[in-house]
Protein backbone atom coordinates (compact mmCIF):
# COMPACT_ATOMS: atom_id res chain seq x y z
CA UNK A 1 0.00 0.00 0.00
CA UNK A 2 1.28 3.48 -0.85
CA UNK A 3 0.54 6.45 1.42
CA UNK A 4 0.70 9.95 -0.02
CA UNK A 5 0.47 13.18 1.94
CA UNK A 6 -1.29 16.24 0.58
CA UNK A 7 -0.57 19.85 1.52
CA UNK A 8 -1.64 23.26 0.28
CA UNK A 9 0.95 24.69 -2.11
CA UNK A 10 1.21 27.77 0.11
CA UNK A 11 2.12 25.72 3.20
CA UNK A 12 4.55 22.95 2.27
CA UNK A 13 6.28 22.56 5.62
CA UNK A 14 5.75 18.79 5.87
CA UNK A 15 7.24 18.18 2.42
CA UNK A 16 10.24 20.37 3.25
CA UNK A 17 10.66 18.72 6.64
CA UNK A 18 10.71 15.20 5.19
CA UNK A 19 13.21 16.20 2.50
CA UNK A 20 15.54 17.85 5.04
CA UNK A 21 14.92 15.29 7.83
CA UNK A 22 14.21 18.05 10.33
CA UNK A 23 11.23 20.20 11.22
CA UNK A 24 11.13 23.17 8.85
CA UNK A 25 8.65 25.68 10.27
CA UNK A 26 6.59 27.59 7.75
CA UNK A 27 6.22 31.25 8.63
CA UNK A 28 2.98 32.90 7.50
CA UNK A 29 1.65 30.07 5.32
CA UNK A 30 -0.55 31.23 2.48
CA UNK A 31 -3.56 28.90 2.63
CA UNK A 32 -7.25 28.80 3.42
CA UNK A 33 -6.69 25.46 5.18
CA UNK A 34 -6.44 26.94 8.68
CA UNK A 35 -5.77 23.54 10.27
CA UNK A 36 -2.57 23.29 8.23
CA UNK A 37 -1.19 26.66 9.26
CA UNK A 38 0.81 25.02 12.04
CA UNK A 39 4.21 23.41 11.61
CA UNK A 40 4.83 19.69 11.51
CA UNK A 41 5.47 18.11 14.92
CA UNK A 42 8.16 15.86 16.37
CA UNK A 43 5.81 12.84 16.35
CA UNK A 44 4.51 13.39 12.84
CA UNK A 45 7.83 13.77 11.01
CA UNK A 46 9.12 10.23 11.77
CA UNK A 47 5.76 8.74 10.77
CA UNK A 48 5.80 10.55 7.42
CA UNK A 49 9.40 9.50 6.80
CA UNK A 50 8.69 5.89 7.67
CA UNK A 51 5.31 5.40 5.99
CA UNK A 52 4.94 8.14 3.39
CA UNK A 53 5.48 7.41 -0.29
CA UNK A 54 5.31 10.98 -1.54
CA UNK A 55 3.52 14.30 -1.46
CA UNK A 56 0.95 16.15 -3.50
CA UNK A 57 0.72 19.93 -3.38
CA UNK A 58 -2.74 21.33 -4.07
CA UNK A 59 -3.72 24.87 -4.92
CA UNK A 60 -6.46 26.72 -3.11
CA UNK A 61 -8.97 25.85 -5.82
CA UNK A 62 -8.45 22.12 -5.26
CA UNK A 63 -8.47 22.71 -1.56
CA UNK A 64 -11.87 24.40 -1.68
CA UNK A 65 -13.63 22.21 -4.20
CA UNK A 66 -12.66 18.95 -2.49
CA UNK A 67 -15.56 19.29 -0.06
CA UNK A 68 -18.96 19.57 -1.69
CA UNK A 69 -20.45 20.96 1.52
CA UNK A 70 -17.90 23.74 1.75
CA UNK A 71 -19.24 27.28 1.26
CA UNK A 72 -16.18 27.84 -0.93
CA UNK A 73 -16.88 24.97 -3.31
CA UNK A 74 -18.43 27.11 -6.03
CA UNK A 75 -16.86 28.13 -9.32
CA UNK A 76 -15.31 31.35 -7.93
CA UNK A 77 -12.36 29.23 -6.73
PDB file of N, CA and C in Angstrom:
ATOM      1  N   UNK A   1       0.837  -1.161   0.000  1.00  0.00           N
ATOM      2  CA  UNK A   1       0.000   0.000   0.000  1.00  0.00           C
ATOM      3  C   UNK A   1       0.895   1.241   0.000  1.00  0.00           C
ATOM      4  N   UNK A   2       0.548   2.214  -0.783  1.00  0.00           N
ATOM      5  CA  UNK A   2       1.280   3.477  -0.852  1.00  0.00           C
ATOM      6  C   UNK A   2       0.487   4.556  -0.127  1.00  0.00           C
ATOM      7  N   UNK A   3       1.174   5.358   0.677  1.00  0.00           N
ATOM      8  CA  UNK A   3       0.538   6.448   1.417  1.00  0.00           C
ATOM      9  C   UNK A   3       1.139   7.762   0.935  1.00  0.00           C
ATOM     10  N   UNK A   4       0.274   8.641   0.457  1.00  0.00           N
ATOM     11  CA  UNK A   4       0.697   9.946  -0.018  1.00  0.00           C
ATOM     12  C   UNK A   4       0.124  11.028   0.885  1.00  0.00           C
ATOM     13  N   UNK A   5       0.917  12.029   1.167  1.00  0.00           N
ATOM     14  CA  UNK A   5       0.465  13.183   1.939  1.00  0.00           C
ATOM     15  C   UNK A   5       0.059  14.283   0.968  1.00  0.00           C
ATOM     16  N   UNK A   6      -0.807  15.144   1.413  1.00  0.00           N
ATOM     17  CA  UNK A   6      -1.291  16.241   0.585  1.00  0.00           C
ATOM     18  C   UNK A   6      -1.241  17.520   1.417  1.00  0.00           C
ATOM     19  N   UNK A   7      -0.683  18.559   0.833  1.00  0.00           N
ATOM     20  CA  UNK A   7      -0.573  19.845   1.521  1.00  0.00           C
ATOM     21  C   UNK A   7      -0.934  20.970   0.565  1.00  0.00           C
ATOM     22  N   UNK A   8      -1.424  22.079   1.119  1.00  0.00           N
ATOM     23  CA  UNK A   8      -1.642  23.256   0.279  1.00  0.00           C
ATOM     24  C   UNK A   8      -0.309  23.775  -0.254  1.00  0.00           C
ATOM     25  N   UNK A   9      -0.290  24.196  -1.493  1.00  0.00           N
ATOM     26  CA  UNK A   9       0.948  24.686  -2.110  1.00  0.00           C
ATOM     27  C   UNK A   9       1.539  25.871  -1.357  1.00  0.00           C
ATOM     28  N   UNK A  10       0.726  26.619  -0.649  1.00  0.00           N
ATOM     29  CA  UNK A  10       1.213  27.769   0.107  1.00  0.00           C
ATOM     30  C   UNK A  10       1.681  27.425   1.514  1.00  0.00           C
ATOM     31  N   UNK A  11       1.714  26.131   1.844  1.00  0.00           N
ATOM     32  CA  UNK A  11       2.120  25.717   3.199  1.00  0.00           C
ATOM     33  C   UNK A  11       2.775  24.343   3.146  1.00  0.00           C
ATOM     34  N   UNK A  12       3.898  24.251   2.491  1.00  0.00           N
ATOM     35  CA  UNK A  12       4.552  22.954   2.270  1.00  0.00           C
ATOM     36  C   UNK A  12       5.600  22.616   3.330  1.00  0.00           C
ATOM     37  N   UNK A  13       5.290  22.830   4.591  1.00  0.00           N
ATOM     38  CA  UNK A  13       6.278  22.556   5.625  1.00  0.00           C
ATOM     39  C   UNK A  13       6.538  21.072   5.818  1.00  0.00           C
ATOM     40  N   UNK A  14       5.533  20.235   5.691  1.00  0.00           N
ATOM     41  CA  UNK A  14       5.745  18.787   5.871  1.00  0.00           C
ATOM     42  C   UNK A  14       6.646  18.238   4.765  1.00  0.00           C
ATOM     43  N   UNK A  15       6.402  18.640   3.537  1.00  0.00           N
ATOM     44  CA  UNK A  15       7.236  18.176   2.425  1.00  0.00           C
ATOM     45  C   UNK A  15       8.686  18.618   2.628  1.00  0.00           C
ATOM     46  N   UNK A  16       8.892  19.868   3.003  1.00  0.00           N
ATOM     47  CA  UNK A  16      10.244  20.370   3.248  1.00  0.00           C
ATOM     48  C   UNK A  16      10.887  19.651   4.422  1.00  0.00           C
ATOM     49  N   UNK A  17      10.119  19.391   5.457  1.00  0.00           N
ATOM     50  CA  UNK A  17      10.655  18.719   6.643  1.00  0.00           C
ATOM     51  C   UNK A  17      11.105  17.300   6.332  1.00  0.00           C
ATOM     52  N   UNK A  18      10.330  16.577   5.552  1.00  0.00           N
ATOM     53  CA  UNK A  18      10.707  15.202   5.192  1.00  0.00           C
ATOM     54  C   UNK A  18      11.971  15.219   4.333  1.00  0.00           C
ATOM     55  N   UNK A  19      12.033  16.122   3.375  1.00  0.00           N
ATOM     56  CA  UNK A  19      13.211  16.203   2.503  1.00  0.00           C
ATOM     57  C   UNK A  19      14.479  16.533   3.291  1.00  0.00           C
ATOM     58  N   UNK A  20      14.366  17.409   4.291  1.00  0.00           N
ATOM     59  CA  UNK A  20      15.535  17.854   5.044  1.00  0.00           C
ATOM     60  C   UNK A  20      15.752  17.054   6.335  1.00  0.00           C
ATOM     61  N   UNK A  21      14.845  16.131   6.635  1.00  0.00           N
ATOM     62  CA  UNK A  21      14.916  15.287   7.827  1.00  0.00           C
ATOM     63  C   UNK A  21      15.022  16.108   9.120  1.00  0.00           C
ATOM     64  N   UNK A  22      14.314  17.203   9.137  1.00  0.00           N
ATOM     65  CA  UNK A  22      14.208  18.052  10.328  1.00  0.00           C
ATOM     66  C   UNK A  22      12.949  18.889  10.184  1.00  0.00           C
ATOM     67  N   UNK A  23      12.435  19.371  11.284  1.00  0.00           N
ATOM     68  CA  UNK A  23      11.233  20.195  11.216  1.00  0.00           C
ATOM     69  C   UNK A  23      11.592  21.557  10.633  1.00  0.00           C
ATOM     70  N   UNK A  24      10.939  21.883   9.534  1.00  0.00           N
ATOM     71  CA  UNK A  24      11.134  23.166   8.853  1.00  0.00           C
ATOM     72  C   UNK A  24       9.860  23.977   9.065  1.00  0.00           C
ATOM     73  N   UNK A  25       9.871  24.898  10.021  1.00  0.00           N
ATOM     74  CA  UNK A  25       8.655  25.680  10.273  1.00  0.00           C
ATOM     75  C   UNK A  25       8.315  26.584   9.092  1.00  0.00           C
ATOM     76  N   UNK A  26       7.064  26.722   8.829  1.00  0.00           N
ATOM     77  CA  UNK A  26       6.594  27.587   7.750  1.00  0.00           C
ATOM     78  C   UNK A  26       6.054  28.855   8.393  1.00  0.00           C
ATOM     79  N   UNK A  27       6.659  29.961   8.094  1.00  0.00           N
ATOM     80  CA  UNK A  27       6.225  31.248   8.632  1.00  0.00           C
ATOM     81  C   UNK A  27       5.177  31.846   7.703  1.00  0.00           C
ATOM     82  N   UNK A  28       4.065  32.264   8.260  1.00  0.00           N
ATOM     83  CA  UNK A  28       2.984  32.902   7.502  1.00  0.00           C
ATOM     84  C   UNK A  28       2.554  32.100   6.282  1.00  0.00           C
ATOM     85  N   UNK A  29       2.095  30.861   6.471  1.00  0.00           N
ATOM     86  CA  UNK A  29       1.652  30.066   5.321  1.00  0.00           C
ATOM     87  C   UNK A  29       0.480  30.729   4.607  1.00  0.00           C
ATOM     88  N   UNK A  30       0.473  30.612   3.311  1.00  0.00           N
ATOM     89  CA  UNK A  30      -0.553  31.226   2.480  1.00  0.00           C
ATOM     90  C   UNK A  30      -1.560  30.160   2.060  1.00  0.00           C
ATOM     91  N   UNK A  31      -2.564  29.920   2.930  1.00  0.00           N
ATOM     92  CA  UNK A  31      -3.564  28.904   2.626  1.00  0.00           C
ATOM     93  C   UNK A  31      -4.863  29.181   3.367  1.00  0.00           C
ATOM     94  N   UNK A  32      -5.951  28.730   2.762  1.00  0.00           N
ATOM     95  CA  UNK A  32      -7.250  28.795   3.416  1.00  0.00           C
ATOM     96  C   UNK A  32      -7.426  27.653   4.418  1.00  0.00           C
ATOM     97  N   UNK A  33      -6.598  26.644   4.322  1.00  0.00           N
ATOM     98  CA  UNK A  33      -6.692  25.463   5.184  1.00  0.00           C
ATOM     99  C   UNK A  33      -6.118  25.809   6.560  1.00  0.00           C
ATOM    100  N   UNK A  34      -6.943  26.418   7.413  1.00  0.00           N
ATOM    101  CA  UNK A  34      -6.441  26.937   8.678  1.00  0.00           C
ATOM    102  C   UNK A  34      -5.882  25.850   9.593  1.00  0.00           C
ATOM    103  N   UNK A  35      -6.317  24.628   9.474  1.00  0.00           N
ATOM    104  CA  UNK A  35      -5.770  23.543  10.274  1.00  0.00           C
ATOM    105  C   UNK A  35      -4.356  23.171   9.875  1.00  0.00           C
ATOM    106  N   UNK A  36      -3.922  23.601   8.713  1.00  0.00           N
ATOM    107  CA  UNK A  36      -2.574  23.291   8.227  1.00  0.00           C
ATOM    108  C   UNK A  36      -1.644  24.492   8.325  1.00  0.00           C
ATOM    109  N   UNK A  37      -2.042  25.482   9.081  1.00  0.00           N
ATOM    110  CA  UNK A  37      -1.190  26.662   9.263  1.00  0.00           C
ATOM    111  C   UNK A  37      -0.191  26.474  10.404  1.00  0.00           C
ATOM    112  N   UNK A  38      -0.169  25.313  11.002  1.00  0.00           N
ATOM    113  CA  UNK A  38       0.808  25.019  12.045  1.00  0.00           C
ATOM    114  C   UNK A  38       1.949  24.215  11.429  1.00  0.00           C
ATOM    115  N   UNK A  39       3.072  24.180  12.114  1.00  0.00           N
ATOM    116  CA  UNK A  39       4.212  23.414  11.614  1.00  0.00           C
ATOM    117  C   UNK A  39       4.078  21.942  11.979  1.00  0.00           C
ATOM    118  N   UNK A  40       4.771  21.121  11.254  1.00  0.00           N
ATOM    119  CA  UNK A  40       4.833  19.685  11.513  1.00  0.00           C
ATOM    120  C   UNK A  40       5.422  19.458  12.901  1.00  0.00           C
ATOM    121  N   UNK A  41       4.988  18.387  13.574  1.00  0.00           N
ATOM    122  CA  UNK A  41       5.467  18.114  14.921  1.00  0.00           C
ATOM    123  C   UNK A  41       6.505  17.011  14.990  1.00  0.00           C
ATOM    124  N   UNK A  42       7.099  16.855  16.151  1.00  0.00           N
ATOM    125  CA  UNK A  42       8.156  15.861  16.367  1.00  0.00           C
ATOM    126  C   UNK A  42       7.647  14.427  16.244  1.00  0.00           C
ATOM    127  N   UNK A  43       6.375  14.188  16.498  1.00  0.00           N
ATOM    128  CA  UNK A  43       5.813  12.843  16.349  1.00  0.00           C
ATOM    129  C   UNK A  43       5.422  12.545  14.908  1.00  0.00           C
ATOM    130  N   UNK A  44       5.001  13.572  14.203  1.00  0.00           N
ATOM    131  CA  UNK A  44       4.511  13.387  12.840  1.00  0.00           C
ATOM    132  C   UNK A  44       5.631  13.174  11.827  1.00  0.00           C
ATOM    133  N   UNK A  45       6.726  13.878  11.978  1.00  0.00           N
ATOM    134  CA  UNK A  45       7.832  13.769  11.013  1.00  0.00           C
ATOM    135  C   UNK A  45       8.337  12.334  10.867  1.00  0.00           C
ATOM    136  N   UNK A  46       8.648  11.605  11.951  1.00  0.00           N
ATOM    137  CA  UNK A  46       9.118  10.228  11.772  1.00  0.00           C
ATOM    138  C   UNK A  46       8.075   9.317  11.120  1.00  0.00           C
ATOM    139  N   UNK A  47       6.799   9.563  11.396  1.00  0.00           N
ATOM    140  CA  UNK A  47       5.758   8.740  10.769  1.00  0.00           C
ATOM    141  C   UNK A  47       5.699   8.986   9.272  1.00  0.00           C
ATOM    142  N   UNK A  48       5.798  10.246   8.858  1.00  0.00           N
ATOM    143  CA  UNK A  48       5.802  10.551   7.424  1.00  0.00           C
ATOM    144  C   UNK A  48       7.034   9.971   6.736  1.00  0.00           C
ATOM    145  N   UNK A  49       8.177  10.048   7.392  1.00  0.00           N
ATOM    146  CA  UNK A  49       9.399   9.502   6.797  1.00  0.00           C
ATOM    147  C   UNK A  49       9.323   7.989   6.675  1.00  0.00           C
ATOM    148  N   UNK A  50       8.745   7.351   7.647  1.00  0.00           N
ATOM    149  CA  UNK A  50       8.687   5.885   7.672  1.00  0.00           C
ATOM    150  C   UNK A  50       7.612   5.330   6.729  1.00  0.00           C
ATOM    151  N   UNK A  51       6.448   5.977   6.706  1.00  0.00           N
ATOM    152  CA  UNK A  51       5.307   5.396   5.993  1.00  0.00           C
ATOM    153  C   UNK A  51       4.898   6.138   4.716  1.00  0.00           C
ATOM    154  N   UNK A  52       5.369   7.350   4.539  1.00  0.00           N
ATOM    155  CA  UNK A  52       4.939   8.137   3.387  1.00  0.00           C
ATOM    156  C   UNK A  52       5.669   7.751   2.108  1.00  0.00           C
ATOM    157  N   UNK A  53       4.923   7.712   1.022  1.00  0.00           N
ATOM    158  CA  UNK A  53       5.485   7.406  -0.292  1.00  0.00           C
ATOM    159  C   UNK A  53       5.859   8.682  -1.027  1.00  0.00           C
ATOM    160  N   UNK A  54       5.072   9.724  -0.843  1.00  0.00           N
ATOM    161  CA  UNK A  54       5.315  10.979  -1.540  1.00  0.00           C
ATOM    162  C   UNK A  54       4.314  12.026  -1.119  1.00  0.00           C
ATOM    163  N   UNK A  55       4.375  13.170  -1.773  1.00  0.00           N
ATOM    164  CA  UNK A  55       3.518  14.305  -1.455  1.00  0.00           C
ATOM    165  C   UNK A  55       2.818  14.816  -2.700  1.00  0.00           C
ATOM    166  N   UNK A  56       1.655  15.383  -2.483  1.00  0.00           N
ATOM    167  CA  UNK A  56       0.947  16.145  -3.501  1.00  0.00           C
ATOM    168  C   UNK A  56       0.755  17.546  -2.946  1.00  0.00           C
ATOM    169  N   UNK A  57       1.010  18.545  -3.745  1.00  0.00           N
ATOM    170  CA  UNK A  57       0.718  19.926  -3.379  1.00  0.00           C
ATOM    171  C   UNK A  57      -0.539  20.341  -4.136  1.00  0.00           C
ATOM    172  N   UNK A  58      -1.501  20.899  -3.426  1.00  0.00           N
ATOM    173  CA  UNK A  58      -2.739  21.334  -4.067  1.00  0.00           C
ATOM    174  C   UNK A  58      -2.876  22.837  -3.947  1.00  0.00           C
ATOM    175  N   UNK A  59      -3.445  23.439  -4.956  1.00  0.00           N
ATOM    176  CA  UNK A  59      -3.725  24.865  -4.917  1.00  0.00           C
ATOM    177  C   UNK A  59      -4.984  25.131  -4.122  1.00  0.00           C
ATOM    178  N   UNK A  60      -5.273  26.365  -3.889  1.00  0.00           N
ATOM    179  CA  UNK A  60      -6.457  26.720  -3.108  1.00  0.00           C
ATOM    180  C   UNK A  60      -7.747  26.288  -3.800  1.00  0.00           C
ATOM    181  N   UNK A  61      -7.766  26.282  -5.108  1.00  0.00           N
ATOM    182  CA  UNK A  61      -8.970  25.851  -5.820  1.00  0.00           C
ATOM    183  C   UNK A  61      -9.261  24.385  -5.506  1.00  0.00           C
ATOM    184  N   UNK A  62      -8.261  23.528  -5.589  1.00  0.00           N
ATOM    185  CA  UNK A  62      -8.446  22.123  -5.264  1.00  0.00           C
ATOM    186  C   UNK A  62      -8.773  21.927  -3.800  1.00  0.00           C
ATOM    187  N   UNK A  63      -8.239  22.754  -2.983  1.00  0.00           N
ATOM    188  CA  UNK A  63      -8.474  22.707  -1.556  1.00  0.00           C
ATOM    189  C   UNK A  63      -9.938  23.015  -1.251  1.00  0.00           C
ATOM    190  N   UNK A  64     -10.492  23.978  -1.949  1.00  0.00           N
ATOM    191  CA  UNK A  64     -11.868  24.403  -1.681  1.00  0.00           C
ATOM    192  C   UNK A  64     -12.903  23.513  -2.343  1.00  0.00           C
ATOM    193  N   UNK A  65     -12.622  22.981  -3.493  1.00  0.00           N
ATOM    194  CA  UNK A  65     -13.629  22.208  -4.203  1.00  0.00           C
ATOM    195  C   UNK A  65     -13.630  20.743  -3.785  1.00  0.00           C
ATOM    196  N   UNK A  66     -12.707  20.337  -2.937  1.00  0.00           N
ATOM    197  CA  UNK A  66     -12.663  18.947  -2.493  1.00  0.00           C
ATOM    198  C   UNK A  66     -13.813  18.577  -1.578  1.00  0.00           C
ATOM    199  N   UNK A  67     -14.458  19.542  -0.977  1.00  0.00           N
ATOM    200  CA  UNK A  67     -15.555  19.288  -0.059  1.00  0.00           C
ATOM    201  C   UNK A  67     -16.815  19.915  -0.637  1.00  0.00           C
ATOM    202  N   UNK A  68     -17.740  19.082  -1.048  1.00  0.00           N
ATOM    203  CA  UNK A  68     -18.964  19.567  -1.692  1.00  0.00           C
ATOM    204  C   UNK A  68     -19.811  20.398  -0.741  1.00  0.00           C
ATOM    205  N   UNK A  69     -19.665  20.211   0.560  1.00  0.00           N
ATOM    206  CA  UNK A  69     -20.452  20.965   1.523  1.00  0.00           C
ATOM    207  C   UNK A  69     -19.790  22.278   1.927  1.00  0.00           C
ATOM    208  N   UNK A  70     -18.622  22.534   1.396  1.00  0.00           N
ATOM    209  CA  UNK A  70     -17.896  23.744   1.752  1.00  0.00           C
ATOM    210  C   UNK A  70     -18.560  24.960   1.123  1.00  0.00           C
ATOM    211  N   UNK A  71     -18.671  26.056   1.868  1.00  0.00           N
ATOM    212  CA  UNK A  71     -19.242  27.279   1.263  1.00  0.00           C
ATOM    213  C   UNK A  71     -18.333  27.838   0.182  1.00  0.00           C
ATOM    214  N   UNK A  72     -17.104  27.337   0.075  1.00  0.00           N
ATOM    215  CA  UNK A  72     -16.181  27.842  -0.926  1.00  0.00           C
ATOM    216  C   UNK A  72     -16.053  26.868  -2.101  1.00  0.00           C
ATOM    217  N   UNK A  73     -17.004  25.970  -2.258  1.00  0.00           N
ATOM    218  CA  UNK A  73     -16.881  24.967  -3.309  1.00  0.00           C
ATOM    219  C   UNK A  73     -17.514  25.397  -4.626  1.00  0.00           C
ATOM    220  N   UNK A  74     -17.819  26.683  -4.776  1.00  0.00           N
ATOM    221  CA  UNK A  74     -18.429  27.105  -6.025  1.00  0.00           C
ATOM    222  C   UNK A  74     -17.361  27.481  -7.053  1.00  0.00           C
ATOM    223  N   UNK A  75     -17.779  27.928  -8.207  1.00  0.00           N
ATOM    224  CA  UNK A  75     -16.861  28.134  -9.320  1.00  0.00           C
ATOM    225  C   UNK A  75     -15.964  29.359  -9.158  1.00  0.00           C
ATOM    226  N   UNK A  76     -16.176  30.188  -8.125  1.00  0.00           N
ATOM    227  CA  UNK A  76     -15.308  31.351  -7.931  1.00  0.00           C
ATOM    228  C   UNK A  76     -13.882  30.916  -7.633  1.00  0.00           C
ATOM    229  N   UNK A  77     -13.673  29.694  -7.135  1.00  0.00           N
ATOM    230  CA  UNK A  77     -12.360  29.230  -6.735  1.00  0.00           C
ATOM    231  C   UNK A  77     -11.837  28.348  -7.821  1.00  0.00           C
TER     232      UNK A  77
END
